[in-house]
Amino acid sequence: MEGLELIAFQIISTVGAARSLYIEAIQDAKKGDFEEANKKIDEGCQLFLEGHHAHAELIQKEASGEITNLNLLLVHAEDQLMSAEAFKIISEELIDVYKSRK
């Protein structure tokens, strides 16, 4: 497997795990466990940051002329990155809503 594919898989796995944690955080907040929800948001943010750094690495490589290929795997990785970011925003908002109801 080439470097581009490895980085794409790294993005997919880290941001996918982050997105799962954001969803779990919403479920914890729904139960009123805001401490656990915040822990999962924080853990998700760390994983998301790893994926974001890998993405930035790809951008830097492309800017330097190292990478010119665009493939479905990379498109999927970027889609997962954006999806995780959206879930982060939504989860933080929903947690605030659940907090205001308590």
C-alpha atoms as a PDB file:
ATOM      1  CA  MET A   1       0.000   0.000   0.000  1.00  0.00           C
ATOM      2  CA  GLU A   2       1.362   3.386  -0.938  1.00  0.00           C
ATOM      3  CA  GLY A   3       1.817   6.391   1.341  1.00  0.00           C
ATOM      4  CA  LEU A   4      -1.290   8.185   0.111  1.00  0.00           C
ATOM      5  CA  GLU A   5      -3.523   5.229   0.899  1.00  0.00           C
ATOM      6  CA  LEU A   6      -1.999   4.798   4.360  1.00  0.00           C
ATOM      7  CA  ILE A   7      -2.615   8.433   5.193  1.00  0.00           C
ATOM      8  CA  ALA A   8      -6.182   8.214   3.858  1.00  0.00           C
ATOM      9  CA  PHE A   9      -6.825   5.177   6.068  1.00  0.00           C
ATOM     10  CA  GLN A  10      -5.326   7.027   9.034  1.00  0.00           C
ATOM     11  CA  ILE A  11      -7.734   9.902   8.439  1.00  0.00           C
ATOM     12  CA  ILE A  12     -10.697   7.553   8.048  1.00  0.00           C
ATOM     13  CA  SER A  13      -9.936   5.578  11.203  1.00  0.00           C
ATOM     14  CA  THR A  14      -9.188   8.518  13.497  1.00  0.00           C
ATOM     15  CA  VAL A  15     -12.042  10.776  12.441  1.00  0.00           C
ATOM     16  CA  GLY A  16     -14.427   7.819  12.312  1.00  0.00           C
ATOM     17  CA  ALA A  17     -13.584   7.031  15.924  1.00  0.00           C
ATOM     18  CA  ALA A  18     -13.990  10.714  16.797  1.00  0.00           C
ATOM     19  CA  ARG A  19     -17.426  10.806  15.183  1.00  0.00           C
ATOM     20  CA  SER A  20     -18.471   7.727  17.180  1.00  0.00           C
ATOM     21  CA  LEU A  21     -17.356   9.409  20.394  1.00  0.00           C
ATOM     22  CA  TYR A  22     -19.349  12.535  19.531  1.00  0.00           C
ATOM     23  CA  ILE A  23     -22.457  10.395  19.054  1.00  0.00           C
ATOM     24  CA  GLU A  24     -21.806   8.599  22.349  1.00  0.00           C
ATOM     25  CA  ALA A  25     -21.409  12.001  24.033  1.00  0.00           C
ATOM     26  CA  ILE A  26     -24.887  12.982  22.852  1.00  0.00           C
ATOM     27  CA  GLN A  27     -26.274   9.746  24.291  1.00  0.00           C
ATOM     28  CA  ASP A  28     -24.530  10.395  27.619  1.00  0.00           C
ATOM     29  CA  ALA A  29     -25.905  13.934  27.753  1.00  0.00           C
ATOM     30  CA  LYS A  30     -29.372  12.617  27.002  1.00  0.00           C
ATOM     31  CA  LYS A  31     -29.037  10.457  30.142  1.00  0.00           C
ATOM     32  CA  GLY A  32     -27.829  13.487  32.113  1.00  0.00           C
ATOM     33  CA  ASP A  33     -24.214  12.281  32.405  1.00  0.00           C
ATOM     34  CA  PHE A  34     -22.551  15.509  31.313  1.00  0.00           C
ATOM     35  CA  GLU A  35     -19.186  14.653  32.834  1.00  0.00           C
ATOM     36  CA  GLU A  36     -18.923  11.535  30.668  1.00  0.00           C
ATOM     37  CA  ALA A  37     -20.251  13.450  27.657  1.00  0.00           C
ATOM     38  CA  ASN A  38     -17.521  16.065  28.070  1.00  0.00           C
ATOM     39  CA  LYS A  39     -14.850  13.369  28.388  1.00  0.00           C
ATOM     40  CA  LYS A  40     -16.001  11.814  25.124  1.00  0.00           C
ATOM     41  CA  ILE A  41     -16.043  15.181  23.377  1.00  0.00           C
ATOM     42  CA  ASP A  42     -12.474  15.795  24.554  1.00  0.00           C
ATOM     43  CA  GLU A  43     -11.326  12.338  23.461  1.00  0.00           C
ATOM     44  CA  GLY A  44     -13.070  12.798  20.131  1.00  0.00           C
ATOM     45  CA  CYS A  45     -11.365  16.141  19.650  1.00  0.00           C
ATOM     46  CA  GLN A  46      -7.951  14.533  20.152  1.00  0.00           C
ATOM     47  CA  LEU A  47      -8.705  11.861  17.565  1.00  0.00           C
ATOM     48  CA  PHE A  48     -10.144  14.414  15.174  1.00  0.00           C
ATOM     49  CA  LEU A  49      -6.985  16.491  15.549  1.00  0.00           C
ATOM     50  CA  GLU A  50      -4.870  13.459  14.567  1.00  0.00           C
ATOM     51  CA  GLY A  51      -6.946  13.024  11.424  1.00  0.00           C
ATOM     52  CA  HIS A  52      -6.787  16.732  10.706  1.00  0.00           C
ATOM     53  CA  HIS A  53      -2.996  16.692  10.998  1.00  0.00           C
ATOM     54  CA  ALA A  54      -2.791  13.769   8.577  1.00  0.00           C
ATOM     55  CA  HIS A  55      -5.011  15.707   6.182  1.00  0.00           C
ATOM     56  CA  ALA A  56      -2.796  18.772   6.515  1.00  0.00           C
ATOM     57  CA  GLU A  57       0.206  16.567   5.723  1.00  0.00           C
ATOM     58  CA  LEU A  58      -1.460  15.566   2.453  1.00  0.00           C
ATOM     59  CA  ILE A  59      -2.162  19.184   1.588  1.00  0.00           C
ATOM     60  CA  GLN A  60       1.480  20.095   2.232  1.00  0.00           C
ATOM     61  CA  LYS A  61       2.686  17.216   0.075  1.00  0.00           C
ATOM     62  CA  GLU A  62       0.392  18.218  -2.747  1.00  0.00           C
ATOM     63  CA  ALA A  63       1.495  21.846  -2.487  1.00  0.00           C
ATOM     64  CA  SER A  64       5.114  20.722  -2.832  1.00  0.00           C
ATOM     65  CA  GLY A  65       4.271  18.647  -5.906  1.00  0.00           C
ATOM     66  CA  GLU A  66       4.683  15.239  -4.252  1.00  0.00           C
ATOM     67  CA  ILE A  67       1.093  14.078  -4.653  1.00  0.00           C
ATOM     68  CA  THR A  68      -0.965  14.500  -7.786  1.00  0.00           C
ATOM     69  CA  ASN A  69      -3.356  11.539  -7.580  1.00  0.00           C
ATOM     70  CA  LEU A  70      -6.935  11.900  -6.502  1.00  0.00           C
ATOM     71  CA  ASN A  71      -8.715   8.651  -5.739  1.00  0.00           C
ATOM     72  CA  LEU A  72     -11.966   7.494  -4.213  1.00  0.00           C
ATOM     73  CA  LEU A  73     -10.260   6.524  -0.962  1.00  0.00           C
ATOM     74  CA  LEU A  74      -8.985  10.061  -0.473  1.00  0.00           C
ATOM     75  CA  VAL A  75     -12.401  11.507  -1.320  1.00  0.00           C
ATOM     76  CA  HIS A  76     -13.923   9.186   1.281  1.00  0.00           C
ATOM     77  CA  ALA A  77     -11.337  10.276   3.857  1.00  0.00           C
ATOM     78  CA  GLU A  78     -12.178  13.936   3.275  1.00  0.00           C
ATOM     79  CA  ASP A  79     -15.898  13.163   3.496  1.00  0.00           C
ATOM     80  CA  GLN A  80     -15.345  11.412   6.819  1.00  0.00           C
ATOM     81  CA  LEU A  81     -13.299  14.351   8.077  1.00  0.00           C
ATOM     82  CA  MET A  82     -16.055  16.832   7.262  1.00  0.00           C
ATOM     83  CA  SER A  83     -18.743  14.540   8.672  1.00  0.00           C
ATOM     84  CA  ALA A  84     -16.876  14.209  11.963  1.00  0.00           C
ATOM     85  CA  GLU A  85     -16.458  17.960  12.182  1.00  0.00           C
ATOM     86  CA  ALA A  86     -20.192  18.430  11.658  1.00  0.00           C
ATOM     87  CA  PHE A  87     -20.984  15.820  14.326  1.00  0.00           C
ATOM     88  CA  LYS A  88     -18.697  17.639  16.750  1.00  0.00           C
ATOM     89  CA  ILE A  89     -20.580  20.880  16.284  1.00  0.00           C
ATOM     90  CA  ILE A  90     -23.965  19.177  16.540  1.00  0.00           C
ATOM     91  CA  SER A  91     -22.964  17.175  19.614  1.00  0.00           C
ATOM     92  CA  GLU A  92     -21.736  20.262  21.448  1.00  0.00           C
ATOM     93  CA  GLU A  93     -24.979  22.058  20.667  1.00  0.00           C
ATOM     94  CA  LEU A  94     -27.141  19.126  21.755  1.00  0.00           C
ATOM     95  CA  ILE A  95     -25.202  18.740  24.985  1.00  0.00           C
ATOM     96  CA  ASP A  96     -25.884  22.403  25.738  1.00  0.00           C
ATOM     97  CA  VAL A  97     -29.583  21.846  25.059  1.00  0.00           C
ATOM     98  CA  TYR A  98     -29.690  18.853  27.407  1.00  0.00           C
ATOM     99  CA  LYS A  99     -27.827  20.837  30.078  1.00  0.00           C
ATOM    100  CA  SER A 100     -30.314  23.687  29.857  1.00  0.00           C
ATOM    101  CA  ARG A 101     -33.184  21.249  30.465  1.00  0.00           C
ATOM    102  CA  LYS A 102     -31.721  19.961  33.746  1.00  0.00           C
END
